[in-house]
Amino acid sequence: MQKHQPGLLSLSLRCGLMLLVLTPCADAAQAQSSEEYPGPWREITQDVREFLALRRVYACNEAVGRQSSRNSDEYLLYCTRDEKHWTSWHVQPAARKLWGPDKLIEGIPLPSAYDR
């Protein structure tokens, strides 16, 4: 008895279907991020700076932040040491939570003053 192996066409169809399913998810995540952190960009507060120093985050010589629309104590930060290499961070100073570094979020560009 011969085993059935999926042909190239069948594999291509499956890959195509996966792309169709995943693409809207990426778009939804991008829209969700820009809704959760609607802007505008602002200088980060002294509380946030002190929290970053306490956690020994040195990648934020220059930093801008956007406050979360869902949690007033959560901020999305874009940080750089040299205005060339940027990272993103999520910070909740009162809860003492920090996530990062990560890449910049698609759909949330750098402020125009820093635009590459």
PDB file of N, CA and C in Angstrom:
ATOM      1  N   MET A   1       0.826  -1.161   0.000  1.00  0.00           N
ATOM      2  CA  MET A   1       0.000   0.000   0.000  1.00  0.00           C
ATOM      3  C   MET A   1       0.883   1.241   0.000  1.00  0.00           C
ATOM      4  N   GLN A   2       0.516   2.222  -0.805  1.00  0.00           N
ATOM      5  CA  GLN A   2       1.326   3.415  -0.964  1.00  0.00           C
ATOM      6  C   GLN A   2       0.753   4.538  -0.091  1.00  0.00           C
ATOM      7  N   LYS A   3       1.625   5.219   0.663  1.00  0.00           N
ATOM      8  CA  LYS A   3       1.184   6.325   1.505  1.00  0.00           C
ATOM      9  C   LYS A   3       0.939   7.544   0.624  1.00  0.00           C
ATOM     10  N   HIS A   4      -0.097   8.293   0.989  1.00  0.00           N
ATOM     11  CA  HIS A   4      -0.406   9.513   0.248  1.00  0.00           C
ATOM     12  C   HIS A   4       0.450  10.649   0.797  1.00  0.00           C
ATOM     13  N   GLN A   5       1.207  11.308  -0.072  1.00  0.00           N
ATOM     14  CA  GLN A   5       2.005  12.458   0.314  1.00  0.00           C
ATOM     15  C   GLN A   5       1.385  13.691  -0.326  1.00  0.00           C
ATOM     16  N   PRO A   6       1.225  14.726   0.452  1.00  0.00           N
ATOM     17  CA  PRO A   6       0.628  15.928  -0.113  1.00  0.00           C
ATOM     18  C   PRO A   6       1.493  16.465  -1.243  1.00  0.00           C
ATOM     19  N   GLY A   7       0.837  16.829  -2.297  1.00  0.00           N
ATOM     20  CA  GLY A   7       1.547  17.376  -3.449  1.00  0.00           C
ATOM     21  C   GLY A   7       1.911  18.830  -3.237  1.00  0.00           C
ATOM     22  N   LEU A   8       2.647  19.353  -4.160  1.00  0.00           N
ATOM     23  CA  LEU A   8       3.082  20.749  -4.091  1.00  0.00           C
ATOM     24  C   LEU A   8       1.884  21.693  -4.084  1.00  0.00           C
ATOM     25  N   LEU A   9       0.871  21.398  -4.877  1.00  0.00           N
ATOM     26  CA  LEU A   9      -0.312  22.249  -4.928  1.00  0.00           C
ATOM     27  C   LEU A   9      -1.024  22.265  -3.579  1.00  0.00           C
ATOM     28  N   SER A  10      -1.168  21.105  -2.975  1.00  0.00           N
ATOM     29  CA  SER A  10      -1.829  21.018  -1.678  1.00  0.00           C
ATOM     30  C   SER A  10      -1.050  21.814  -0.616  1.00  0.00           C
ATOM     31  N   LEU A  11       0.251  21.697  -0.621  1.00  0.00           N
ATOM     32  CA  LEU A  11       1.095  22.423   0.321  1.00  0.00           C
ATOM     33  C   LEU A  11       0.986  23.927   0.086  1.00  0.00           C
ATOM     34  N   SER A  12       0.973  24.320  -1.173  1.00  0.00           N
ATOM     35  CA  SER A  12       0.844  25.740  -1.508  1.00  0.00           C
ATOM     36  C   SER A  12      -0.490  26.295  -1.043  1.00  0.00           C
ATOM     37  N   LEU A  13      -1.545  25.517  -1.206  1.00  0.00           N
ATOM     38  CA  LEU A  13      -2.864  25.964  -0.755  1.00  0.00           C
ATOM     39  C   LEU A  13      -2.894  26.147   0.757  1.00  0.00           C
ATOM     40  N   ARG A  14      -2.303  25.216   1.472  1.00  0.00           N
ATOM     41  CA  ARG A  14      -2.267  25.335   2.932  1.00  0.00           C
ATOM     42  C   ARG A  14      -1.480  26.565   3.372  1.00  0.00           C
ATOM     43  N   CYS A  15      -0.347  26.799   2.737  1.00  0.00           N
ATOM     44  CA  CYS A  15       0.467  27.973   3.086  1.00  0.00           C
ATOM     45  C   CYS A  15      -0.298  29.262   2.776  1.00  0.00           C
ATOM     46  N   GLY A  16      -0.970  29.277   1.645  1.00  0.00           N
ATOM     47  CA  GLY A  16      -1.752  30.447   1.268  1.00  0.00           C
ATOM     48  C   GLY A  16      -2.878  30.719   2.249  1.00  0.00           C
ATOM     49  N   LEU A  17      -3.553  29.677   2.682  1.00  0.00           N
ATOM     50  CA  LEU A  17      -4.629  29.833   3.657  1.00  0.00           C
ATOM     51  C   LEU A  17      -4.101  30.348   4.990  1.00  0.00           C
ATOM     52  N   MET A  18      -2.939  29.854   5.398  1.00  0.00           N
ATOM     53  CA  MET A  18      -2.346  30.323   6.653  1.00  0.00           C
ATOM     54  C   MET A  18      -2.024  31.811   6.562  1.00  0.00           C
ATOM     55  N   LEU A  19      -1.495  32.247   5.428  1.00  0.00           N
ATOM     56  CA  LEU A  19      -1.190  33.668   5.257  1.00  0.00           C
ATOM     57  C   LEU A  19      -2.457  34.508   5.332  1.00  0.00           C
ATOM     58  N   LEU A  20      -3.518  34.040   4.696  1.00  0.00           N
ATOM     59  CA  LEU A  20      -4.782  34.776   4.741  1.00  0.00           C
ATOM     60  C   LEU A  20      -5.316  34.884   6.167  1.00  0.00           C
ATOM     61  N   VAL A  21      -5.140  33.857   6.935  1.00  0.00           N
ATOM     62  CA  VAL A  21      -5.633  33.856   8.310  1.00  0.00           C
ATOM     63  C   VAL A  21      -4.758  34.737   9.197  1.00  0.00           C
ATOM     64  N   LEU A  22      -3.448  34.682   9.029  1.00  0.00           N
ATOM     65  CA  LEU A  22      -2.534  35.402   9.914  1.00  0.00           C
ATOM     66  C   LEU A  22      -2.431  36.891   9.609  1.00  0.00           C
ATOM     67  N   THR A  23      -2.582  37.289   8.371  1.00  0.00           N
ATOM     68  CA  THR A  23      -2.431  38.696   8.001  1.00  0.00           C
ATOM     69  C   THR A  23      -3.419  39.594   8.733  1.00  0.00           C
ATOM     70  N   PRO A  24      -4.714  39.262   8.775  1.00  0.00           N
ATOM     71  CA  PRO A  24      -5.617  40.122   9.544  1.00  0.00           C
ATOM     72  C   PRO A  24      -5.262  40.188  11.025  1.00  0.00           C
ATOM     73  N   CYS A  25      -4.696  39.140  11.580  1.00  0.00           N
ATOM     74  CA  CYS A  25      -4.295  39.151  12.990  1.00  0.00           C
ATOM     75  C   CYS A  25      -3.201  40.186  13.214  1.00  0.00           C
ATOM     76  N   ALA A  26      -2.241  40.256  12.302  1.00  0.00           N
ATOM     77  CA  ALA A  26      -1.160  41.236  12.427  1.00  0.00           C
ATOM     78  C   ALA A  26      -1.714  42.647  12.312  1.00  0.00           C
ATOM     79  N   ASP A  27      -2.640  42.871  11.376  1.00  0.00           N
ATOM     80  CA  ASP A  27      -3.259  44.183  11.220  1.00  0.00           C
ATOM     81  C   ASP A  27      -4.053  44.560  12.461  1.00  0.00           C
ATOM     82  N   ALA A  28      -4.762  43.599  13.046  1.00  0.00           N
ATOM     83  CA  ALA A  28      -5.546  43.858  14.244  1.00  0.00           C
ATOM     84  C   ALA A  28      -4.642  44.203  15.416  1.00  0.00           C
ATOM     85  N   ALA A  29      -3.518  43.510  15.545  1.00  0.00           N
ATOM     86  CA  ALA A  29      -2.580  43.795  16.633  1.00  0.00           C
ATOM     87  C   ALA A  29      -2.004  45.194  16.474  1.00  0.00           C
ATOM     88  N   GLN A  30      -1.699  45.585  15.243  1.00  0.00           N
ATOM     89  CA  GLN A  30      -1.163  46.912  14.973  1.00  0.00           C
ATOM     90  C   GLN A  30      -2.197  47.975  15.343  1.00  0.00           C
ATOM     91  N   ALA A  31      -3.439  47.777  14.942  1.00  0.00           N
ATOM     92  CA  ALA A  31      -4.499  48.727  15.265  1.00  0.00           C
ATOM     93  C   ALA A  31      -4.732  48.778  16.767  1.00  0.00           C
ATOM     94  N   GLN A  32      -4.689  47.629  17.428  1.00  0.00           N
ATOM     95  CA  GLN A  32      -4.893  47.572  18.870  1.00  0.00           C
ATOM     96  C   GLN A  32      -3.803  48.356  19.590  1.00  0.00           C
ATOM     97  N   SER A  33      -2.556  48.238  19.143  1.00  0.00           N
ATOM     98  CA  SER A  33      -1.454  48.947  19.785  1.00  0.00           C
ATOM     99  C   SER A  33      -1.619  50.452  19.652  1.00  0.00           C
ATOM    100  N   SER A  34      -1.977  50.934  18.463  1.00  0.00           N
ATOM    101  CA  SER A  34      -2.129  52.376  18.288  1.00  0.00           C
ATOM    102  C   SER A  34      -3.353  52.899  19.029  1.00  0.00           C
ATOM    103  N   GLU A  35      -4.360  52.056  19.250  1.00  0.00           N
ATOM    104  CA  GLU A  35      -5.511  52.466  20.050  1.00  0.00           C
ATOM    105  C   GLU A  35      -5.168  52.459  21.539  1.00  0.00           C
ATOM    106  N   GLU A  36      -4.367  51.487  21.957  1.00  0.00           N
ATOM    107  CA  GLU A  36      -4.009  51.406  23.370  1.00  0.00           C
ATOM    108  C   GLU A  36      -3.042  52.516  23.774  1.00  0.00           C
ATOM    109  N   TYR A  37      -2.182  52.925  22.862  1.00  0.00           N
ATOM    110  CA  TYR A  37      -1.217  53.998  23.127  1.00  0.00           C
ATOM    111  C   TYR A  37      -1.425  55.086  22.077  1.00  0.00           C
ATOM    112  N   PRO A  38      -2.504  55.865  22.196  1.00  0.00           N
ATOM    113  CA  PRO A  38      -2.901  56.774  21.125  1.00  0.00           C
ATOM    114  C   PRO A  38      -2.008  58.002  20.948  1.00  0.00           C
ATOM    115  N   GLY A  39      -1.206  58.318  21.905  1.00  0.00           N
ATOM    116  CA  GLY A  39      -0.347  59.478  21.764  1.00  0.00           C
ATOM    117  C   GLY A  39      -1.037  60.701  22.345  1.00  0.00           C
ATOM    118  N   PRO A  40      -0.409  61.821  22.235  1.00  0.00           N
ATOM    119  CA  PRO A  40       0.841  62.100  21.531  1.00  0.00           C
ATOM    120  C   PRO A  40       2.049  61.652  22.356  1.00  0.00           C
ATOM    121  N   TRP A  41       3.206  61.679  21.692  1.00  0.00           N
ATOM    122  CA  TRP A  41       4.443  61.402  22.403  1.00  0.00           C
ATOM    123  C   TRP A  41       4.712  62.538  23.378  1.00  0.00           C
ATOM    124  N   ARG A  42       5.202  62.182  24.554  1.00  0.00           N
ATOM    125  CA  ARG A  42       5.563  63.182  25.571  1.00  0.00           C
ATOM    126  C   ARG A  42       6.902  62.789  26.188  1.00  0.00           C
ATOM    127  N   GLU A  43       7.554  63.796  26.767  1.00  0.00           N
ATOM    128  CA  GLU A  43       8.752  63.498  27.547  1.00  0.00           C
ATOM    129  C   GLU A  43       8.320  62.613  28.714  1.00  0.00           C
ATOM    130  N   ILE A  44       9.170  61.685  29.103  1.00  0.00           N
ATOM    131  CA  ILE A  44       8.781  60.803  30.206  1.00  0.00           C
ATOM    132  C   ILE A  44       8.924  61.545  31.532  1.00  0.00           C
ATOM    133  N   THR A  45       8.112  61.148  32.491  1.00  0.00           N
ATOM    134  CA  THR A  45       8.086  61.830  33.786  1.00  0.00           C
ATOM    135  C   THR A  45       9.301  61.450  34.625  1.00  0.00           C
ATOM    136  N   GLN A  46       9.526  62.244  35.648  1.00  0.00           N
ATOM    137  CA  GLN A  46      10.628  61.960  36.566  1.00  0.00           C
ATOM    138  C   GLN A  46      10.414  60.621  37.264  1.00  0.00           C
ATOM    139  N   ASP A  47       9.157  60.288  37.585  1.00  0.00           N
ATOM    140  CA  ASP A  47       8.859  58.987  38.203  1.00  0.00           C
ATOM    141  C   ASP A  47       9.302  57.836  37.315  1.00  0.00           C
ATOM    142  N   VAL A  48       9.027  57.952  36.016  1.00  0.00           N
ATOM    143  CA  VAL A  48       9.424  56.900  35.073  1.00  0.00           C
ATOM    144  C   VAL A  48      10.942  56.851  34.975  1.00  0.00           C
ATOM    145  N   ARG A  49      11.592  58.007  34.898  1.00  0.00           N
ATOM    146  CA  ARG A  49      13.070  58.038  34.826  1.00  0.00           C
ATOM    147  C   ARG A  49      13.690  57.380  36.064  1.00  0.00           C
ATOM    148  N   GLU A  50      13.159  57.685  37.226  1.00  0.00           N
ATOM    149  CA  GLU A  50      13.686  57.096  38.461  1.00  0.00           C
ATOM    150  C   GLU A  50      13.467  55.592  38.487  1.00  0.00           C
ATOM    151  N   PHE A  51      12.316  55.150  37.998  1.00  0.00           N
ATOM    152  CA  PHE A  51      12.045  53.718  37.946  1.00  0.00           C
ATOM    153  C   PHE A  51      13.023  53.028  36.994  1.00  0.00           C
ATOM    154  N   LEU A  52      13.284  53.619  35.840  1.00  0.00           N
ATOM    155  CA  LEU A  52      14.247  53.038  34.893  1.00  0.00           C
ATOM    156  C   LEU A  52      15.639  52.974  35.513  1.00  0.00           C
ATOM    157  N   ALA A  53      16.021  54.021  36.226  1.00  0.00           N
ATOM    158  CA  ALA A  53      17.332  54.026  36.886  1.00  0.00           C
ATOM    159  C   ALA A  53      17.396  52.944  37.962  1.00  0.00           C
ATOM    160  N   LEU A  54      16.322  52.799  38.722  1.00  0.00           N
ATOM    161  CA  LEU A  54      16.260  51.768  39.753  1.00  0.00           C
ATOM    162  C   LEU A  54      16.427  50.376  39.153  1.00  0.00           C
ATOM    163  N   ARG A  55      15.849  50.166  37.976  1.00  0.00           N
ATOM    164  CA  ARG A  55      15.937  48.873  37.295  1.00  0.00           C
ATOM    165  C   ARG A  55      17.180  48.758  36.410  1.00  0.00           C
ATOM    166  N   ARG A  56      18.042  49.761  36.458  1.00  0.00           N
ATOM    167  CA  ARG A  56      19.314  49.786  35.718  1.00  0.00           C
ATOM    168  C   ARG A  56      19.122  49.683  34.202  1.00  0.00           C
ATOM    169  N   VAL A  57      18.155  50.429  33.705  1.00  0.00           N
ATOM    170  CA  VAL A  57      17.923  50.511  32.262  1.00  0.00           C
ATOM    171  C   VAL A  57      18.697  51.718  31.761  1.00  0.00           C
ATOM    172  N   TYR A  58      19.773  51.445  31.034  1.00  0.00           N
ATOM    173  CA  TYR A  58      20.640  52.522  30.566  1.00  0.00           C
ATOM    174  C   TYR A  58      20.447  52.824  29.084  1.00  0.00           C
ATOM    175  N   ALA A  59      19.519  52.142  28.453  1.00  0.00           N
ATOM    176  CA  ALA A  59      19.271  52.339  27.019  1.00  0.00           C
ATOM    177  C   ALA A  59      18.376  53.542  26.762  1.00  0.00           C
ATOM    178  N   CYS A  60      17.984  54.250  27.803  1.00  0.00           N
ATOM    179  CA  CYS A  60      17.017  55.330  27.645  1.00  0.00           C
ATOM    180  C   CYS A  60      17.617  56.707  27.925  1.00  0.00           C
ATOM    181  N   ASN A  61      18.788  56.985  27.349  1.00  0.00           N
ATOM    182  CA  ASN A  61      19.345  58.332  27.489  1.00  0.00           C
ATOM    183  C   ASN A  61      18.347  59.361  26.971  1.00  0.00           C
ATOM    184  N   GLU A  62      17.735  59.043  25.854  1.00  0.00           N
ATOM    185  CA  GLU A  62      16.643  59.844  25.322  1.00  0.00           C
ATOM    186  C   GLU A  62      15.431  58.936  25.261  1.00  0.00           C
ATOM    187  N   ALA A  63      14.309  59.443  25.736  1.00  0.00           N
ATOM    188  CA  ALA A  63      13.104  58.612  25.759  1.00  0.00           C
ATOM    189  C   ALA A  63      11.868  59.478  25.594  1.00  0.00           C
ATOM    190  N   VAL A  64      10.902  58.902  24.903  1.00  0.00           N
ATOM    191  CA  VAL A  64       9.588  59.513  24.785  1.00  0.00           C
ATOM    192  C   VAL A  64       8.570  58.443  25.154  1.00  0.00           C
ATOM    193  N   GLY A  65       7.409  58.880  25.611  1.00  0.00           N
ATOM    194  CA  GLY A  65       6.411  57.919  26.061  1.00  0.00           C
ATOM    195  C   GLY A  65       5.013  58.266  25.618  1.00  0.00           C
ATOM    196  N   ARG A  66       4.189  57.235  25.579  1.00  0.00           N
ATOM    197  CA  ARG A  66       2.757  57.364  25.336  1.00  0.00           C
ATOM    198  C   ARG A  66       2.042  56.635  26.456  1.00  0.00           C
ATOM    199  N   GLN A  67       1.040  57.280  27.021  1.00  0.00           N
ATOM    200  CA  GLN A  67       0.284  56.676  28.107  1.00  0.00           C
ATOM    201  C   GLN A  67      -0.760  55.720  27.543  1.00  0.00           C
ATOM    202  N   SER A  68      -0.972  54.622  28.235  1.00  0.00           N
ATOM    203  CA  SER A  68      -1.974  53.645  27.832  1.00  0.00           C
ATOM    204  C   SER A  68      -3.374  54.211  28.037  1.00  0.00           C
ATOM    205  N   SER A  69      -4.255  53.930  27.092  1.00  0.00           N
ATOM    206  CA  SER A  69      -5.654  54.352  27.239  1.00  0.00           C
ATOM    207  C   SER A  69      -6.407  53.413  28.171  1.00  0.00           C
ATOM    208  N   ARG A  70      -5.830  52.255  28.474  1.00  0.00           N
ATOM    209  CA  ARG A  70      -6.489  51.264  29.333  1.00  0.00           C
ATOM    210  C   ARG A  70      -6.018  51.324  30.782  1.00  0.00           C
ATOM    211  N   ASN A  71      -4.774  51.795  30.990  1.00  0.00           N
ATOM    212  CA  ASN A  71      -4.193  51.808  32.326  1.00  0.00           C
ATOM    213  C   ASN A  71      -3.368  53.086  32.452  1.00  0.00           C
ATOM    214  N   SER A  72      -3.829  54.018  33.264  1.00  0.00           N
ATOM    215  CA  SER A  72      -3.165  55.325  33.354  1.00  0.00           C
ATOM    216  C   SER A  72      -1.750  55.240  33.923  1.00  0.00           C
ATOM    217  N   ASP A  73      -1.387  54.114  34.523  1.00  0.00           N
ATOM    218  CA  ASP A  73      -0.031  53.945  35.059  1.00  0.00           C
ATOM    219  C   ASP A  73       0.869  53.156  34.102  1.00  0.00           C
ATOM    220  N   GLU A  74       0.409  52.875  32.907  1.00  0.00           N
ATOM    221  CA  GLU A  74       1.237  52.124  31.957  1.00  0.00           C
ATOM    222  C   GLU A  74       1.638  53.034  30.809  1.00  0.00           C
ATOM    223  N   TYR A  75       2.913  52.886  30.413  1.00  0.00           N
ATOM    224  CA  TYR A  75       3.453  53.712  29.343  1.00  0.00           C
ATOM    225  C   TYR A  75       4.197  52.844  28.338  1.00  0.00           C
ATOM    226  N   LEU A  76       4.090  53.227  27.083  1.00  0.00           N
ATOM    227  CA  LEU A  76       4.934  52.682  26.027  1.00  0.00           C
ATOM    228  C   LEU A  76       6.056  53.682  25.851  1.00  0.00           C
ATOM    229  N   LEU A  77       7.293  53.210  25.973  1.00  0.00           N
ATOM    230  CA  LEU A  77       8.453  54.085  25.803  1.00  0.00           C
ATOM    231  C   LEU A  77       9.217  53.693  24.552  1.00  0.00           C
ATOM    232  N   TYR A  78       9.719  54.673  23.850  1.00  0.00           N
ATOM    233  CA  TYR A  78      10.709  54.466  22.805  1.00  0.00           C
ATOM    234  C   TYR A  78      11.986  55.106  23.327  1.00  0.00           C
ATOM    235  N   CYS A  79      13.056  54.326  23.388  1.00  0.00           N
ATOM    236  CA  CYS A  79      14.309  54.773  23.991  1.00  0.00           C
ATOM    237  C   CYS A  79      15.478  54.623  23.032  1.00  0.00           C
ATOM    238  N   THR A  80      16.470  55.499  23.207  1.00  0.00           N
ATOM    239  CA  THR A  80      17.698  55.410  22.425  1.00  0.00           C
ATOM    240  C   THR A  80      18.863  55.958  23.239  1.00  0.00           C
ATOM    241  N   ARG A  81      20.030  55.501  22.877  1.00  0.00           N
ATOM    242  CA  ARG A  81      21.270  56.069  23.427  1.00  0.00           C
ATOM    243  C   ARG A  81      21.901  57.029  22.429  1.00  0.00           C
ATOM    244  N   ASP A  82      21.650  56.762  21.139  1.00  0.00           N
ATOM    245  CA  ASP A  82      22.391  57.477  20.098  1.00  0.00           C
ATOM    246  C   ASP A  82      21.517  58.057  18.978  1.00  0.00           C
ATOM    247  N   GLU A  83      20.211  58.042  19.125  1.00  0.00           N
ATOM    248  CA  GLU A  83      19.244  58.503  18.131  1.00  0.00           C
ATOM    249  C   GLU A  83      19.270  57.682  16.842  1.00  0.00           C
ATOM    250  N   LYS A  84      19.982  56.560  16.837  1.00  0.00           N
ATOM    251  CA  LYS A  84      20.016  55.673  15.668  1.00  0.00           C
ATOM    252  C   LYS A  84      19.341  54.348  15.962  1.00  0.00           C
ATOM    253  N   HIS A  85      19.613  53.795  17.121  1.00  0.00           N
ATOM    254  CA  HIS A  85      19.083  52.488  17.512  1.00  0.00           C
ATOM    255  C   HIS A  85      18.030  52.691  18.597  1.00  0.00           C
ATOM    256  N   TRP A  86      16.797  52.356  18.268  1.00  0.00           N
ATOM    257  CA  TRP A  86      15.671  52.574  19.173  1.00  0.00           C
ATOM    258  C   TRP A  86      15.120  51.243  19.660  1.00  0.00           C
ATOM    259  N   THR A  87      14.641  51.242  20.891  1.00  0.00           N
ATOM    260  CA  THR A  87      13.978  50.072  21.455  1.00  0.00           C
ATOM    261  C   THR A  87      12.664  50.529  22.095  1.00  0.00           C
ATOM    262  N   SER A  88      11.750  49.582  22.231  1.00  0.00           N
ATOM    263  CA  SER A  88      10.501  49.904  22.921  1.00  0.00           C
ATOM    264  C   SER A  88      10.481  49.198  24.276  1.00  0.00           C
ATOM    265  N   TRP A  89       9.793  49.805  25.211  1.00  0.00           N
ATOM    266  CA  TRP A  89       9.659  49.284  26.565  1.00  0.00           C
ATOM    267  C   TRP A  89       8.233  49.546  27.024  1.00  0.00           C
ATOM    268  N   HIS A  90       7.713  48.694  27.876  1.00  0.00           N
ATOM    269  CA  HIS A  90       6.440  48.920  28.545  1.00  0.00           C
ATOM    270  C   HIS A  90       6.752  49.044  30.033  1.00  0.00           C
ATOM    271  N   VAL A  91       6.229  50.095  30.636  1.00  0.00           N
ATOM    272  CA  VAL A  91       6.555  50.407  32.016  1.00  0.00           C
ATOM    273  C   VAL A  91       5.277  50.665  32.810  1.00  0.00           C
ATOM    274  N   GLN A  92       5.229  50.104  34.009  1.00  0.00           N
ATOM    275  CA  GLN A  92       4.184  50.410  34.993  1.00  0.00           C
ATOM    276  C   GLN A  92       4.904  50.749  36.297  1.00  0.00           C
ATOM    277  N   PRO A  93       5.281  52.016  36.489  1.00  0.00           N
ATOM    278  CA  PRO A  93       6.096  52.380  37.653  1.00  0.00           C
ATOM    279  C   PRO A  93       5.456  52.048  38.997  1.00  0.00           C
ATOM    280  N   ALA A  94       4.176  52.351  39.177  1.00  0.00           N
ATOM    281  CA  ALA A  94       3.538  52.112  40.478  1.00  0.00           C
ATOM    282  C   ALA A  94       3.495  50.622  40.810  1.00  0.00           C
ATOM    283  N   ALA A  95       3.308  49.799  39.786  1.00  0.00           N
ATOM    284  CA  ALA A  95       3.269  48.344  39.990  1.00  0.00           C
ATOM    285  C   ALA A  95       4.670  47.741  39.940  1.00  0.00           C
ATOM    286  N   ARG A  96       5.664  48.576  39.637  1.00  0.00           N
ATOM    287  CA  ARG A  96       7.061  48.143  39.535  1.00  0.00           C
ATOM    288  C   ARG A  96       7.254  47.057  38.484  1.00  0.00           C
ATOM    289  N   LYS A  97       6.605  47.256  37.326  1.00  0.00           N
ATOM    290  CA  LYS A  97       6.722  46.295  36.231  1.00  0.00           C
ATOM    291  C   LYS A  97       7.398  46.947  35.040  1.00  0.00           C
ATOM    292  N   LEU A  98       8.221  46.144  34.376  1.00  0.00           N
ATOM    293  CA  LEU A  98       8.975  46.610  33.226  1.00  0.00           C
ATOM    294  C   LEU A  98       9.113  45.478  32.226  1.00  0.00           C
ATOM    295  N   TRP A  99       8.809  45.744  30.973  1.00  0.00           N
ATOM    296  CA  TRP A  99       8.999  44.776  29.895  1.00  0.00           C
ATOM    297  C   TRP A  99       9.829  45.428  28.812  1.00  0.00           C
ATOM    298  N   GLY A 100      10.843  44.732  28.326  1.00  0.00           N
ATOM    299  CA  GLY A 100      11.663  45.255  27.249  1.00  0.00           C
ATOM    300  C   GLY A 100      13.091  44.806  27.457  1.00  0.00           C
ATOM    301  N   PRO A 101      13.954  45.135  26.558  1.00  0.00           N
ATOM    302  CA  PRO A 101      13.695  45.913  25.345  1.00  0.00           C
ATOM    303  C   PRO A 101      13.050  45.064  24.256  1.00  0.00           C
ATOM    304  N   ASP A 102      12.405  45.751  23.337  1.00  0.00           N
ATOM    305  CA  ASP A 102      11.780  45.103  22.199  1.00  0.00           C
ATOM    306  C   ASP A 102      11.929  46.013  20.991  1.00  0.00           C
ATOM    307  N   LYS A 103      11.523  45.510  19.850  1.00  0.00           N
ATOM    308  CA  LYS A 103      11.585  46.339  18.635  1.00  0.00           C
ATOM    309  C   LYS A 103      10.458  47.363  18.678  1.00  0.00           C
ATOM    310  N   LEU A 104      10.562  48.377  17.841  1.00  0.00           N
ATOM    311  CA  LEU A 104       9.519  49.385  17.753  1.00  0.00           C
ATOM    312  C   LEU A 104       8.246  48.738  17.239  1.00  0.00           C
ATOM    313  N   ILE A 105       7.128  49.274  17.646  1.00  0.00           N
ATOM    314  CA  ILE A 105       5.835  48.695  17.293  1.00  0.00           C
ATOM    315  C   ILE A 105       5.393  49.214  15.942  1.00  0.00           C
ATOM    316  N   GLU A 106       5.119  48.284  15.048  1.00  0.00           N
ATOM    317  CA  GLU A 106       4.652  48.656  13.723  1.00  0.00           C
ATOM    318  C   GLU A 106       3.337  49.416  13.865  1.00  0.00           C
ATOM    319  N   GLY A 107       3.229  50.539  13.177  1.00  0.00           N
ATOM    320  CA  GLY A 107       2.020  51.355  13.265  1.00  0.00           C
ATOM    321  C   GLY A 107       2.126  52.481  14.277  1.00  0.00           C
ATOM    322  N   ILE A 108       3.189  52.462  15.094  1.00  0.00           N
ATOM    323  CA  ILE A 108       3.445  53.560  16.029  1.00  0.00           C
ATOM    324  C   ILE A 108       4.852  54.084  15.720  1.00  0.00           C
ATOM    325  N   PRO A 109       4.931  55.069  14.835  1.00  0.00           N
ATOM    326  CA  PRO A 109       6.242  55.573  14.425  1.00  0.00           C
ATOM    327  C   PRO A 109       6.893  56.450  15.496  1.00  0.00           C
ATOM    328  N   LEU A 110       8.176  56.675  15.320  1.00  0.00           N
ATOM    329  CA  LEU A 110       8.909  57.608  16.178  1.00  0.00           C
ATOM    330  C   LEU A 110       8.281  58.995  16.043  1.00  0.00           C
ATOM    331  N   PRO A 111       8.451  59.839  17.054  1.00  0.00           N
ATOM    332  CA  PRO A 111       7.996  61.222  16.895  1.00  0.00           C
ATOM    333  C   PRO A 111       8.715  61.874  15.723  1.00  0.00           C
ATOM    334  N   SER A 112       8.083  62.809  15.081  1.00  0.00           N
ATOM    335  CA  SER A 112       8.655  63.417  13.869  1.00  0.00           C
ATOM    336  C   SER A 112      10.014  64.058  14.125  1.00  0.00           C
ATOM    337  N   ALA A 113      10.264  64.535  15.343  1.00  0.00           N
ATOM    338  CA  ALA A 113      11.560  65.137  15.664  1.00  0.00           C
ATOM    339  C   ALA A 113      12.695  64.130  15.550  1.00  0.00           C
ATOM    340  N   TYR A 114      12.384  62.839  15.727  1.00  0.00           N
ATOM    341  CA  TYR A 114      13.399  61.801  15.673  1.00  0.00           C
ATOM    342  C   TYR A 114      13.301  60.927  14.421  1.00  0.00           C
ATOM    343  N   ASP A 115      12.361  61.226  13.561  1.00  0.00           N
ATOM    344  CA  ASP A 115      12.094  60.375  12.403  1.00  0.00           C
ATOM    345  C   ASP A 115      13.366  60.123  11.623  1.00  0.00           C
ATOM    346  N   ARG A 116      13.572  58.832  11.296  1.00  0.00           N
ATOM    347  CA  ARG A 116      14.797  58.435  10.584  1.00  0.00           C
ATOM    348  C   ARG A 116      14.734  58.827   9.148  1.00  0.00           C
TER     349      ARG A 116
END
